[in-house]
Amino acid sequence: MAAERITQRGAAFHDPAQKRSWETTLSWIYDRFISQSLTSAGLAIKAGGGVLVKTGATTWVGMAEGILVSKAAATDMPALVGTVVNATFNVFAFYVNSAGTVRSQMGVAGATLAAVGFPAPNDGEALIGFIVVNPTGAGNFVGNTTALDDVGVVPNVVYVNPVGAFDPTATY
């Protein structure tokens, strides 16, 4: 059976405004289903004293815009850009598109973990995973400068590897 497109179902609407509203609402949901992580990336620090995150010991597989994409084991994620102020929380998310290009984006800091705002994926991007950073030592965490395991800044990095349709920016 061939895949059905949103526009095929939308053809049943006679009112153009209703059709557009229906298609706009469902396109976001469809995008999350065809752009998602299918296996755990096993994100980890690249090396002790390092500033980069890498995939784990196995190949990561996902879909972006319905196209299978993968990243080999031990693939470096893009450099972290941004500063997490001491005693706050923030995330750095890693997204991949259908061409296999990975980008890193920092979220919006919060005084608590629950207050953190995630960076939005672009349409057609799958979330590989993300890290949570909460520096509690002496100073701020500076992406691509402070080691992920720094004993002075104490970034308290947590590596998160969601599998399946996931969009932390979705609200209701």
Protein backbone atom coordinates (compact mmCIF):
# COMPACT_ATOMS: atom_id res chain seq x y z
CA MET A 1 0.00 0.00 0.00
CA ALA A 2 1.39 3.39 -0.98
CA ALA A 3 1.88 6.06 1.65
CA GLU A 4 -0.95 8.54 1.87
CA ARG A 5 -0.12 12.24 1.87
CA ILE A 6 -1.87 14.83 4.00
CA THR A 7 -2.96 16.66 0.86
CA GLN A 8 -4.78 13.55 -0.39
CA ARG A 9 -7.00 13.51 2.69
CA GLY A 10 -7.27 17.29 2.60
CA ALA A 11 -8.91 17.09 -0.81
CA ALA A 12 -12.12 16.05 0.97
CA PHE A 13 -12.48 19.55 2.44
CA HIS A 14 -14.47 21.97 0.32
CA ASP A 15 -13.72 25.04 2.44
CA PRO A 16 -10.14 26.19 1.63
CA ALA A 17 -9.65 27.69 5.11
CA GLN A 18 -10.66 24.43 6.81
CA LYS A 19 -8.44 22.43 4.46
CA ARG A 20 -5.43 24.66 5.16
CA SER A 21 -6.03 24.57 8.92
CA TRP A 22 -6.30 20.78 8.89
CA GLU A 23 -3.17 20.36 6.75
CA THR A 24 -1.15 22.81 8.85
CA THR A 25 -2.07 21.03 12.07
CA LEU A 26 -1.35 17.56 10.77
CA SER A 27 1.85 18.45 8.90
CA TRP A 28 3.61 19.08 12.22
CA ILE A 29 2.48 15.69 13.56
CA TYR A 30 3.43 13.91 10.34
CA ASP A 31 6.86 15.56 10.43
CA ARG A 32 7.56 14.15 13.91
CA PHE A 33 6.58 10.66 12.74
CA ILE A 34 8.79 10.74 9.64
CA SER A 35 11.67 12.53 11.40
CA GLN A 36 12.72 10.63 14.49
CA SER A 37 15.41 8.61 16.19
CA LEU A 38 14.96 4.86 15.69
CA THR A 39 17.86 3.68 17.87
CA SER A 40 19.73 5.17 20.80
CA ALA A 41 22.74 7.31 19.88
CA GLY A 42 24.45 6.41 23.15
CA LEU A 43 25.77 9.98 23.43
CA ALA A 44 28.90 10.34 25.55
CA ILE A 45 31.91 12.57 26.09
CA LYS A 46 34.43 12.13 23.24
CA ALA A 47 37.35 11.71 25.66
CA GLY A 48 38.22 12.60 29.23
CA GLY A 49 38.85 16.33 29.44
CA GLY A 50 37.07 16.79 26.10
CA VAL A 51 34.65 19.44 24.90
CA LEU A 52 32.87 17.33 22.28
CA VAL A 53 30.00 14.85 22.47
CA LYS A 54 30.09 11.73 20.28
CA THR A 55 27.81 8.84 19.42
CA GLY A 56 28.36 5.67 21.39
CA ALA A 57 29.70 2.26 20.47
CA THR A 58 27.02 1.38 17.92
CA THR A 59 25.67 3.02 14.77
CA TRP A 60 22.76 5.41 15.31
CA VAL A 61 19.81 5.10 12.89
CA GLY A 62 16.93 7.48 12.39
CA MET A 63 14.64 8.99 9.79
CA ALA A 64 14.56 12.58 8.56
CA GLU A 65 11.72 13.50 6.20
CA GLY A 66 11.03 9.77 5.82
CA ILE A 67 14.60 9.05 4.64
CA LEU A 68 16.77 6.64 6.63
CA VAL A 69 19.91 8.30 7.97
CA SER A 70 22.68 6.97 10.19
CA LYS A 71 25.76 8.04 12.08
CA ALA A 72 28.61 5.62 12.65
CA ALA A 73 29.75 4.71 16.13
CA ALA A 74 32.04 7.32 17.72
CA THR A 75 30.91 10.11 15.37
CA ASP A 76 31.62 13.57 16.78
CA MET A 77 28.64 15.83 17.25
CA PRO A 78 29.05 19.50 16.26
CA ALA A 79 30.76 21.82 18.73
CA LEU A 80 28.64 23.26 21.50
CA VAL A 81 28.02 26.99 21.11
CA GLY A 82 26.85 29.09 24.03
CA THR A 83 27.33 29.63 27.73
CA VAL A 84 25.38 28.07 30.60
CA VAL A 85 25.58 30.36 33.62
CA ASN A 86 26.58 28.81 36.92
CA ALA A 87 23.67 27.33 38.91
CA THR A 88 21.30 27.34 35.91
CA PHE A 89 20.19 24.54 33.61
CA ASN A 90 20.24 24.34 29.83
CA VAL A 91 20.31 21.81 27.00
CA PHE A 92 22.28 21.36 23.82
CA ALA A 93 20.30 19.37 21.22
CA PHE A 94 21.69 17.53 18.20
CA TYR A 95 19.47 17.43 15.10
CA VAL A 96 20.09 15.70 11.76
CA ASN A 97 18.47 16.36 8.38
CA SER A 98 17.80 13.98 5.47
CA ALA A 99 21.24 14.77 3.94
CA GLY A 100 22.87 13.52 7.16
CA THR A 101 24.03 16.98 8.27
CA VAL A 102 24.05 17.33 12.04
CA ARG A 103 23.66 20.62 13.91
CA SER A 104 23.89 21.52 17.57
CA GLN A 105 21.66 24.13 19.15
CA MET A 106 21.46 25.41 22.71
CA GLY A 107 18.10 25.83 24.41
CA VAL A 108 16.89 28.61 26.70
CA ALA A 109 18.30 28.49 30.23
CA GLY A 110 16.17 28.00 33.30
CA ALA A 111 16.69 28.35 37.04
CA THR A 112 15.36 24.78 37.33
CA LEU A 113 15.43 21.83 34.96
CA ALA A 114 11.67 22.16 34.44
CA ALA A 115 12.12 25.77 33.30
CA VAL A 116 14.51 24.94 30.44
CA GLY A 117 13.26 25.73 26.93
CA PHE A 118 14.29 23.36 24.17
CA PRO A 119 15.50 24.57 20.78
CA ALA A 120 12.96 23.81 18.07
CA PRO A 121 13.76 21.33 15.34
CA ASN A 122 13.54 22.54 11.78
CA ASP A 123 10.96 20.73 9.66
CA GLY A 124 12.41 17.46 8.47
CA GLU A 125 15.02 17.13 11.22
CA ALA A 126 15.31 14.23 13.63
CA LEU A 127 16.55 14.67 17.19
CA ILE A 128 19.60 12.45 17.72
CA GLY A 129 19.76 13.34 21.40
CA PHE A 130 20.67 16.10 23.79
CA ILE A 131 22.72 16.90 26.85
CA VAL A 132 21.62 18.70 29.99
CA VAL A 133 24.20 21.03 31.55
CA ASN A 134 23.99 22.41 35.10
CA PRO A 135 27.29 23.96 36.24
CA THR A 136 27.52 24.02 40.04
CA GLY A 137 31.24 24.58 40.60
CA ALA A 138 33.33 27.69 40.10
CA GLY A 139 32.21 29.55 36.99
CA ASN A 140 30.09 29.15 33.89
CA PHE A 141 30.08 26.34 31.34
CA VAL A 142 31.31 27.69 27.99
CA GLY A 143 30.54 25.47 25.00
CA ASN A 144 33.56 24.19 23.07
CA THR A 145 35.85 25.60 25.80
CA THR A 146 34.88 24.04 29.15
CA ALA A 147 35.50 20.29 29.35
CA LEU A 148 32.31 18.25 29.73
CA ASP A 149 33.87 16.63 32.82
CA ASP A 150 35.62 19.75 34.18
CA VAL A 151 36.28 19.36 37.92
CA GLY A 152 36.32 23.12 38.57
CA VAL A 153 33.15 24.20 36.74
CA VAL A 154 31.41 20.86 37.50
CA PRO A 155 28.99 20.96 34.53
CA ASN A 156 27.00 17.89 35.71
CA VAL A 157 26.35 16.81 32.10
CA VAL A 158 23.56 14.29 31.54
CA TYR A 159 23.40 12.53 28.14
CA VAL A 160 19.87 11.85 26.89
CA ASN A 161 19.03 9.55 23.96
CA PRO A 162 15.32 9.65 23.10
CA VAL A 163 13.99 7.05 20.70
CA GLY A 164 10.81 7.64 18.72
CA ALA A 165 8.72 10.65 17.84
CA PHE A 166 9.72 13.45 20.18
CA ASP A 167 9.32 17.21 20.03
CA PRO A 168 10.03 18.94 23.34
CA THR A 169 8.70 22.22 21.97
CA ALA A 170 5.16 20.87 21.51
CA THR A 171 2.58 22.41 23.80
CA TYR A 172 -1.15 22.13 24.24
